[in-house]
Each structure stands twice: as C-alpha cells, then as structure tokens.
Amino acid sequence: MKQKDNFLDELKWRGLLYQATEGAEKIFAKPITFYWGNDLTADSLHVGHLLGLIVMKRAMKFGHGPIILTASGTSMVGDPSGKE
C-alpha cells in the first residue's frame, strides 16, 4: 500500500473525504496547525471518536500539527440540540 503524495489525496483514497472546498489543496500543501475538539459527556471514548482520531493521525503523517481540544465548558453544555 503506497502512501499518497498529499493529505487530501490520502483521505480521498481511503474513502474518508468525498469532496473539499475549492482551494483546499493549496492550504494543505504546506504544514498547518489544526484542532480536533470533543466533549466529555460520554463515559469514555467510543467509536464515534474514531474518525477524528484517524484523520488526526493521517494529518500528522503529512507534517500537520494537531491541537486536541477537550474543554470543561464544552462538556458542561454538551449537545444543545433540542434544548430550550
């Protein structure tokens, strides 16, 4: 299995990216810092966190730098959908 030449091609090849905003190739052509945020309302990590972790690992292989954001404020609010 040969690694692709750039981050977006790698994600497309693995079926993790269907389409991207025009110009995304130019942005990801050089190393960038990105963040992955999650909330701690679940008792533990679960399969729903897997995609974010996989994309983060792939990005790091191409020299991009991750920031993992886990904040108590996000956890206290949780998912506000459906709340009044």
N, C-alpha and C. Protein backbone atom coordinates (compact mmCIF):
# COMPACT_ATOMS: atom_id res chain seq x y z
N MET A 1 0.84 -1.18 0.00
CA MET A 1 0.00 0.00 0.00
C MET A 1 0.89 1.25 0.00
N LYS A 2 0.85 2.01 -1.05
CA LYS A 2 1.69 3.20 -1.16
C LYS A 2 0.95 4.43 -0.62
N GLN A 3 1.66 5.18 0.22
CA GLN A 3 1.09 6.42 0.76
C GLN A 3 0.97 7.44 -0.36
N LYS A 4 -0.10 8.21 -0.34
CA LYS A 4 -0.31 9.25 -1.35
C LYS A 4 0.63 10.42 -1.10
N ASP A 5 0.72 11.31 -2.10
CA ASP A 5 1.67 12.43 -2.03
C ASP A 5 1.20 13.59 -1.17
N ASN A 6 -0.11 13.70 -0.95
CA ASN A 6 -0.58 14.80 -0.11
C ASN A 6 -1.75 14.35 0.75
N PHE A 7 -2.04 15.13 1.75
CA PHE A 7 -3.03 14.79 2.77
C PHE A 7 -4.42 14.57 2.19
N LEU A 8 -4.90 15.48 1.34
CA LEU A 8 -6.25 15.35 0.80
C LEU A 8 -6.38 14.13 -0.11
N ASP A 9 -5.37 13.85 -0.93
CA ASP A 9 -5.41 12.65 -1.77
C ASP A 9 -5.43 11.39 -0.92
N GLU A 10 -4.71 11.39 0.17
CA GLU A 10 -4.69 10.25 1.10
C GLU A 10 -6.09 10.01 1.68
N LEU A 11 -6.75 11.08 2.12
CA LEU A 11 -8.09 10.94 2.69
C LEU A 11 -9.09 10.45 1.64
N LYS A 12 -8.99 10.98 0.42
CA LYS A 12 -9.89 10.55 -0.66
C LYS A 12 -9.65 9.07 -0.99
N TRP A 13 -8.40 8.68 -1.08
CA TRP A 13 -8.03 7.31 -1.41
C TRP A 13 -8.56 6.33 -0.37
N ARG A 14 -8.58 6.75 0.88
CA ARG A 14 -9.07 5.89 1.96
C ARG A 14 -10.58 5.98 2.15
N GLY A 15 -11.25 6.80 1.36
CA GLY A 15 -12.70 6.92 1.47
C GLY A 15 -13.15 7.78 2.64
N LEU A 16 -12.26 8.62 3.16
CA LEU A 16 -12.58 9.48 4.29
C LEU A 16 -12.98 10.88 3.87
N LEU A 17 -12.83 11.21 2.59
CA LEU A 17 -13.17 12.53 2.09
C LEU A 17 -13.84 12.39 0.74
N TYR A 18 -15.03 12.93 0.63
CA TYR A 18 -15.76 12.85 -0.64
C TYR A 18 -15.48 14.08 -1.50
N GLN A 19 -15.57 15.26 -0.90
CA GLN A 19 -15.29 16.49 -1.62
C GLN A 19 -14.72 17.52 -0.65
N ALA A 20 -14.05 18.52 -1.20
CA ALA A 20 -13.44 19.56 -0.37
C ALA A 20 -13.70 20.93 -1.00
N THR A 21 -13.60 21.95 -0.20
CA THR A 21 -13.76 23.32 -0.66
C THR A 21 -12.68 23.64 -1.68
N GLU A 22 -13.05 24.41 -2.69
CA GLU A 22 -12.09 24.83 -3.70
C GLU A 22 -10.91 25.54 -3.03
N GLY A 23 -9.72 25.17 -3.40
CA GLY A 23 -8.52 25.77 -2.83
C GLY A 23 -7.96 25.02 -1.64
N ALA A 24 -8.63 23.96 -1.20
CA ALA A 24 -8.15 23.20 -0.04
C ALA A 24 -6.79 22.57 -0.31
N GLU A 25 -6.55 22.16 -1.55
CA GLU A 25 -5.26 21.56 -1.90
C GLU A 25 -4.12 22.53 -1.61
N LYS A 26 -4.33 23.80 -1.93
CA LYS A 26 -3.31 24.82 -1.71
C LYS A 26 -3.06 25.03 -0.21
N ILE A 27 -4.12 25.01 0.58
CA ILE A 27 -3.99 25.21 2.03
C ILE A 27 -3.20 24.07 2.65
N PHE A 28 -3.51 22.83 2.26
CA PHE A 28 -2.85 21.67 2.85
C PHE A 28 -1.53 21.31 2.19
N ALA A 29 -1.08 22.09 1.22
CA ALA A 29 0.19 21.83 0.56
C ALA A 29 1.38 22.07 1.48
N LYS A 30 1.20 22.92 2.48
CA LYS A 30 2.26 23.17 3.46
C LYS A 30 1.71 22.80 4.84
N PRO A 31 2.60 22.50 5.79
CA PRO A 31 2.13 22.10 7.13
C PRO A 31 1.29 23.19 7.79
N ILE A 32 0.17 22.78 8.37
CA ILE A 32 -0.72 23.69 9.09
C ILE A 32 -0.99 23.12 10.48
N THR A 33 -1.51 23.95 11.35
CA THR A 33 -1.97 23.51 12.66
C THR A 33 -3.48 23.40 12.59
N PHE A 34 -4.01 22.31 13.09
CA PHE A 34 -5.45 22.09 13.08
C PHE A 34 -5.87 21.62 14.47
N TYR A 35 -7.16 21.68 14.74
CA TYR A 35 -7.63 21.19 16.04
C TYR A 35 -8.75 20.19 15.87
N TRP A 36 -8.82 19.31 16.83
CA TRP A 36 -9.90 18.33 16.93
C TRP A 36 -10.52 18.52 18.30
N GLY A 37 -11.76 18.91 18.33
CA GLY A 37 -12.44 19.16 19.60
C GLY A 37 -13.43 18.06 19.91
N ASN A 38 -13.55 17.73 21.18
CA ASN A 38 -14.54 16.75 21.61
C ASN A 38 -15.06 17.14 22.98
N ASP A 39 -16.22 16.60 23.32
CA ASP A 39 -16.73 16.87 24.66
C ASP A 39 -16.70 15.59 25.49
N LEU A 40 -16.68 15.75 26.77
CA LEU A 40 -16.50 14.62 27.68
C LEU A 40 -17.80 14.14 28.30
N THR A 41 -18.92 14.34 27.62
CA THR A 41 -20.19 13.92 28.21
C THR A 41 -20.36 12.40 28.18
N ALA A 42 -19.65 11.71 27.30
CA ALA A 42 -19.68 10.25 27.29
C ALA A 42 -18.77 9.73 28.40
N ASP A 43 -19.05 8.52 28.86
CA ASP A 43 -18.24 7.93 29.93
C ASP A 43 -16.81 7.62 29.47
N SER A 44 -16.63 7.38 28.18
CA SER A 44 -15.31 7.06 27.65
C SER A 44 -15.29 7.35 26.15
N LEU A 45 -14.12 7.18 25.56
CA LEU A 45 -14.04 7.29 24.10
C LEU A 45 -14.87 6.17 23.49
N HIS A 46 -15.47 6.42 22.35
CA HIS A 46 -16.28 5.41 21.69
C HIS A 46 -16.04 5.47 20.19
N VAL A 47 -16.68 4.61 19.44
CA VAL A 47 -16.44 4.52 18.01
C VAL A 47 -16.72 5.84 17.29
N GLY A 48 -17.57 6.67 17.85
CA GLY A 48 -17.85 7.97 17.25
C GLY A 48 -16.64 8.90 17.24
N HIS A 49 -15.69 8.67 18.13
CA HIS A 49 -14.47 9.47 18.17
C HIS A 49 -13.43 8.97 17.15
N LEU A 50 -13.63 7.77 16.63
CA LEU A 50 -12.62 7.14 15.80
C LEU A 50 -12.26 7.93 14.54
N LEU A 51 -13.24 8.45 13.85
CA LEU A 51 -12.96 9.17 12.61
C LEU A 51 -12.04 10.37 12.86
N GLY A 52 -12.33 11.15 13.90
CA GLY A 52 -11.47 12.29 14.23
C GLY A 52 -10.05 11.86 14.54
N LEU A 53 -9.90 10.77 15.28
CA LEU A 53 -8.56 10.27 15.61
C LEU A 53 -7.82 9.77 14.37
N ILE A 54 -8.53 9.09 13.48
CA ILE A 54 -7.90 8.60 12.25
C ILE A 54 -7.42 9.76 11.37
N VAL A 55 -8.27 10.76 11.19
CA VAL A 55 -7.89 11.91 10.36
C VAL A 55 -6.72 12.65 11.00
N MET A 56 -6.73 12.78 12.33
CA MET A 56 -5.63 13.45 13.03
C MET A 56 -4.32 12.69 12.80
N LYS A 57 -4.35 11.37 12.89
CA LYS A 57 -3.14 10.57 12.68
C LYS A 57 -2.63 10.73 11.25
N ARG A 58 -3.53 10.70 10.28
CA ARG A 58 -3.12 10.86 8.89
C ARG A 58 -2.52 12.25 8.66
N ALA A 59 -3.12 13.28 9.22
CA ALA A 59 -2.60 14.64 9.06
C ALA A 59 -1.19 14.76 9.63
N MET A 60 -0.96 14.13 10.77
CA MET A 60 0.37 14.17 11.37
C MET A 60 1.42 13.52 10.48
N LYS A 61 1.05 12.46 9.76
CA LYS A 61 2.00 11.80 8.84
C LYS A 61 2.45 12.73 7.73
N PHE A 62 1.64 13.73 7.41
CA PHE A 62 1.98 14.69 6.36
C PHE A 62 2.55 15.98 6.94
N GLY A 63 2.91 15.97 8.23
CA GLY A 63 3.58 17.11 8.83
C GLY A 63 2.68 18.17 9.44
N HIS A 64 1.37 17.94 9.45
CA HIS A 64 0.44 18.89 10.05
C HIS A 64 0.43 18.69 11.57
N GLY A 65 0.25 19.78 12.31
CA GLY A 65 0.32 19.72 13.77
C GLY A 65 -1.04 19.77 14.44
N PRO A 66 -1.35 18.78 15.27
CA PRO A 66 -2.67 18.76 15.92
C PRO A 66 -2.72 19.50 17.24
N ILE A 67 -3.87 20.03 17.53
CA ILE A 67 -4.20 20.53 18.86
C ILE A 67 -5.49 19.79 19.24
N ILE A 68 -5.45 19.07 20.34
CA ILE A 68 -6.64 18.35 20.80
C ILE A 68 -7.31 19.21 21.86
N LEU A 69 -8.55 19.58 21.60
CA LEU A 69 -9.28 20.46 22.49
C LEU A 69 -10.36 19.67 23.23
N THR A 70 -10.19 19.55 24.52
CA THR A 70 -11.18 18.92 25.38
C THR A 70 -11.42 19.90 26.51
N ALA A 71 -12.55 20.55 26.47
CA ALA A 71 -12.80 21.64 27.41
C ALA A 71 -13.97 21.32 28.33
N SER A 72 -13.86 21.79 29.56
CA SER A 72 -14.94 21.55 30.52
C SER A 72 -16.19 22.33 30.13
N GLY A 73 -16.03 23.49 29.52
CA GLY A 73 -17.20 24.27 29.10
C GLY A 73 -18.01 23.54 28.05
N THR A 74 -17.30 22.93 27.10
CA THR A 74 -17.97 22.14 26.08
C THR A 74 -18.69 20.96 26.72
N SER A 75 -18.05 20.33 27.67
CA SER A 75 -18.65 19.18 28.33
C SER A 75 -19.87 19.56 29.15
N MET A 76 -19.83 20.73 29.79
CA MET A 76 -20.96 21.16 30.61
C MET A 76 -22.17 21.48 29.73
N VAL A 77 -21.94 22.06 28.57
CA VAL A 77 -23.03 22.39 27.66
C VAL A 77 -23.53 21.13 26.97
N GLY A 78 -22.60 20.27 26.55
CA GLY A 78 -22.99 19.06 25.84
C GLY A 78 -23.59 19.39 24.50
N ASP A 79 -24.48 18.56 24.04
CA ASP A 79 -25.16 18.77 22.77
C ASP A 79 -26.41 19.60 23.01
N PRO A 80 -26.40 20.87 22.59
CA PRO A 80 -27.54 21.75 22.87
C PRO A 80 -28.75 21.53 21.96
N SER A 81 -28.64 20.65 20.98
CA SER A 81 -29.76 20.47 20.06
C SER A 81 -30.98 19.93 20.80
N GLY A 82 -32.11 20.54 20.54
CA GLY A 82 -33.35 20.10 21.16
C GLY A 82 -33.60 20.67 22.55
N LYS A 83 -32.65 21.47 23.05
CA LYS A 83 -32.82 22.07 24.38
C LYS A 83 -33.40 23.46 24.24
N GLU A 84 -34.19 23.86 25.20
CA GLU A 84 -34.78 25.21 25.17
C GLU A 84 -34.02 26.15 26.07
